[in-house]
């Protein structure tokens, strides 16, 4: 039982390191949001977003 638990722990640790180093989850979420991933800055650029006008706004 011990060797299989150790192997599972090592595999999970390797998966977490890979996910952290490649930003795979963040890149996927950025693509789903319609943005482009900037790997150098590690940010998702979704362009300019405008908020809808408030109902209390005098422009409405």
N, C-alpha and C. Protein backbone atom coordinates (compact mmCIF):
# COMPACT_ATOMS: atom_id res chain seq x y z
N UNK A 1 0.82 -1.19 0.00
CA UNK A 1 0.00 0.00 0.00
C UNK A 1 0.86 1.26 0.00
N UNK A 2 1.94 1.26 0.74
CA UNK A 2 2.80 2.44 0.85
C UNK A 2 3.41 2.85 -0.48
N UNK A 3 3.97 1.94 -1.27
CA UNK A 3 4.57 2.37 -2.54
C UNK A 3 3.55 3.00 -3.50
N UNK A 4 2.33 2.49 -3.53
CA UNK A 4 1.34 3.07 -4.43
C UNK A 4 0.90 4.46 -3.96
N UNK A 5 0.81 4.66 -2.65
CA UNK A 5 0.46 5.97 -2.12
C UNK A 5 1.57 6.98 -2.41
N UNK A 6 2.80 6.54 -2.29
CA UNK A 6 3.94 7.40 -2.58
C UNK A 6 3.96 7.76 -4.06
N UNK A 7 3.72 6.79 -4.92
CA UNK A 7 3.69 7.03 -6.35
C UNK A 7 2.58 8.01 -6.71
N UNK A 8 1.41 7.85 -6.12
CA UNK A 8 0.29 8.75 -6.37
C UNK A 8 0.62 10.18 -5.91
N UNK A 9 1.27 10.30 -4.78
CA UNK A 9 1.67 11.62 -4.27
C UNK A 9 2.67 12.29 -5.20
N UNK A 10 3.63 11.52 -5.69
CA UNK A 10 4.64 12.07 -6.61
C UNK A 10 3.98 12.48 -7.92
N UNK A 11 3.06 11.70 -8.43
CA UNK A 11 2.37 12.03 -9.67
C UNK A 11 1.52 13.29 -9.52
N UNK A 12 0.81 13.41 -8.42
CA UNK A 12 0.01 14.61 -8.18
C UNK A 12 0.89 15.85 -8.04
N UNK A 13 2.02 15.70 -7.37
CA UNK A 13 2.94 16.83 -7.23
C UNK A 13 3.49 17.25 -8.59
N UNK A 14 3.83 16.28 -9.42
CA UNK A 14 4.33 16.59 -10.76
C UNK A 14 3.26 17.28 -11.60
N UNK A 15 2.01 16.86 -11.47
CA UNK A 15 0.91 17.49 -12.20
C UNK A 15 0.74 18.94 -11.75
N UNK A 16 0.79 19.18 -10.46
CA UNK A 16 0.65 20.55 -9.96
C UNK A 16 1.79 21.45 -10.43
N UNK A 17 3.00 20.92 -10.44
CA UNK A 17 4.15 21.70 -10.92
C UNK A 17 3.98 22.01 -12.40
N UNK A 18 3.55 21.04 -13.19
CA UNK A 18 3.33 21.26 -14.62
C UNK A 18 2.25 22.31 -14.85
N UNK A 19 1.13 22.22 -14.12
CA UNK A 19 0.05 23.19 -14.27
C UNK A 19 0.52 24.60 -13.89
N UNK A 20 1.34 24.71 -12.86
CA UNK A 20 1.83 26.01 -12.42
C UNK A 20 2.80 26.59 -13.44
N UNK A 21 3.70 25.78 -13.96
CA UNK A 21 4.73 26.28 -14.88
C UNK A 21 4.16 26.64 -16.25
N UNK A 22 3.14 25.93 -16.70
CA UNK A 22 2.61 26.16 -18.05
C UNK A 22 1.42 27.10 -18.07
N UNK A 23 0.85 27.42 -16.93
CA UNK A 23 -0.35 28.25 -16.84
C UNK A 23 -1.50 27.66 -17.65
N UNK A 24 -1.54 26.35 -17.75
CA UNK A 24 -2.53 25.67 -18.60
C UNK A 24 -3.96 26.03 -18.23
N UNK A 25 -4.26 26.07 -16.95
CA UNK A 25 -5.62 26.37 -16.52
C UNK A 25 -5.97 27.83 -16.85
N UNK A 26 -5.03 28.74 -16.59
CA UNK A 26 -5.28 30.15 -16.86
C UNK A 26 -5.44 30.42 -18.35
N UNK A 27 -4.63 29.78 -19.17
CA UNK A 27 -4.73 29.95 -20.63
C UNK A 27 -6.08 29.45 -21.12
N UNK A 28 -6.53 28.33 -20.58
CA UNK A 28 -7.83 27.77 -20.97
C UNK A 28 -8.96 28.71 -20.58
N UNK A 29 -8.92 29.21 -19.34
CA UNK A 29 -9.97 30.13 -18.88
C UNK A 29 -9.95 31.43 -19.68
N UNK A 30 -8.77 31.90 -20.04
CA UNK A 30 -8.65 33.12 -20.83
C UNK A 30 -9.28 32.91 -22.21
N UNK A 31 -9.01 31.78 -22.82
CA UNK A 31 -9.60 31.49 -24.11
C UNK A 31 -11.11 31.40 -24.04
N UNK A 32 -11.62 30.82 -22.97
CA UNK A 32 -13.08 30.73 -22.80
C UNK A 32 -13.71 32.11 -22.62
N UNK A 33 -12.96 33.05 -22.05
CA UNK A 33 -13.47 34.40 -21.85
C UNK A 33 -13.34 35.26 -23.11
N UNK A 34 -12.73 34.70 -24.15
CA UNK A 34 -12.57 35.45 -25.39
C UNK A 34 -11.36 36.36 -25.40
N UNK A 35 -10.42 36.11 -24.51
CA UNK A 35 -9.23 36.95 -24.42
C UNK A 35 -8.03 36.30 -25.06
N UNK A 36 -6.93 37.02 -25.02
CA UNK A 36 -5.65 36.49 -25.50
C UNK A 36 -4.68 36.47 -24.33
N UNK A 37 -3.95 35.39 -24.20
CA UNK A 37 -3.04 35.20 -23.08
C UNK A 37 -1.69 35.84 -23.39
N UNK A 38 -1.23 36.72 -22.52
CA UNK A 38 0.09 37.33 -22.63
C UNK A 38 1.01 36.58 -21.67
N UNK A 39 1.83 35.69 -22.23
CA UNK A 39 2.66 34.82 -21.40
C UNK A 39 3.74 35.59 -20.66
N UNK A 40 4.26 36.67 -21.25
CA UNK A 40 5.31 37.43 -20.57
C UNK A 40 4.79 38.11 -19.32
N UNK A 41 3.61 38.69 -19.41
CA UNK A 41 3.03 39.39 -18.26
C UNK A 41 2.15 38.47 -17.42
N UNK A 42 1.82 37.30 -17.96
CA UNK A 42 0.94 36.33 -17.30
C UNK A 42 -0.42 36.95 -17.00
N UNK A 43 -0.98 37.62 -18.01
CA UNK A 43 -2.31 38.20 -17.86
C UNK A 43 -3.17 37.84 -19.07
N UNK A 44 -4.46 37.93 -18.89
CA UNK A 44 -5.42 37.68 -19.96
C UNK A 44 -5.94 39.03 -20.43
N UNK A 45 -5.73 39.32 -21.71
CA UNK A 45 -6.21 40.58 -22.27
C UNK A 45 -7.55 40.33 -22.94
N UNK A 46 -8.59 40.84 -22.35
CA UNK A 46 -9.93 40.66 -22.90
C UNK A 46 -10.42 41.91 -23.61
N UNK A 47 -9.53 42.86 -23.82
CA UNK A 47 -9.90 44.08 -24.51
C UNK A 47 -10.54 45.06 -23.55
N UNK A 48 -11.14 46.08 -24.11
CA UNK A 48 -11.79 47.11 -23.31
C UNK A 48 -13.22 46.70 -23.02
N UNK A 49 -13.54 46.67 -21.77
CA UNK A 49 -14.90 46.34 -21.36
C UNK A 49 -15.59 47.61 -20.89
N UNK A 50 -16.81 47.78 -21.29
CA UNK A 50 -17.57 48.94 -20.82
C UNK A 50 -18.72 48.45 -19.95
N UNK A 51 -18.90 49.11 -18.84
CA UNK A 51 -19.99 48.75 -17.94
C UNK A 51 -21.28 49.41 -18.43
N UNK A 52 -22.39 48.75 -18.25
CA UNK A 52 -23.66 49.39 -18.64
C UNK A 52 -23.93 50.61 -17.75
N UNK A 53 -24.66 51.55 -18.30
CA UNK A 53 -24.98 52.76 -17.55
C UNK A 53 -25.85 52.41 -16.35
N UNK A 54 -25.60 53.09 -15.26
CA UNK A 54 -26.38 52.90 -14.04
C UNK A 54 -27.80 53.46 -14.24
N UNK A 55 -28.79 52.83 -13.65
CA UNK A 55 -30.15 53.39 -13.75
C UNK A 55 -30.24 54.79 -13.15
N UNK A 56 -29.34 55.13 -12.23
CA UNK A 56 -29.35 56.45 -11.61
C UNK A 56 -28.53 57.47 -12.41
N UNK A 57 -27.94 57.03 -13.52
CA UNK A 57 -27.11 57.92 -14.31
C UNK A 57 -27.93 58.99 -15.02
N UNK A 58 -27.46 60.24 -15.04
CA UNK A 58 -28.22 61.29 -15.74
C UNK A 58 -28.22 61.09 -17.26
N UNK A 59 -27.33 60.23 -17.77
CA UNK A 59 -27.28 60.00 -19.21
C UNK A 59 -28.38 59.07 -19.69
N UNK A 60 -29.11 58.47 -18.80
CA UNK A 60 -30.18 57.52 -19.21
C UNK A 60 -31.45 58.21 -19.45
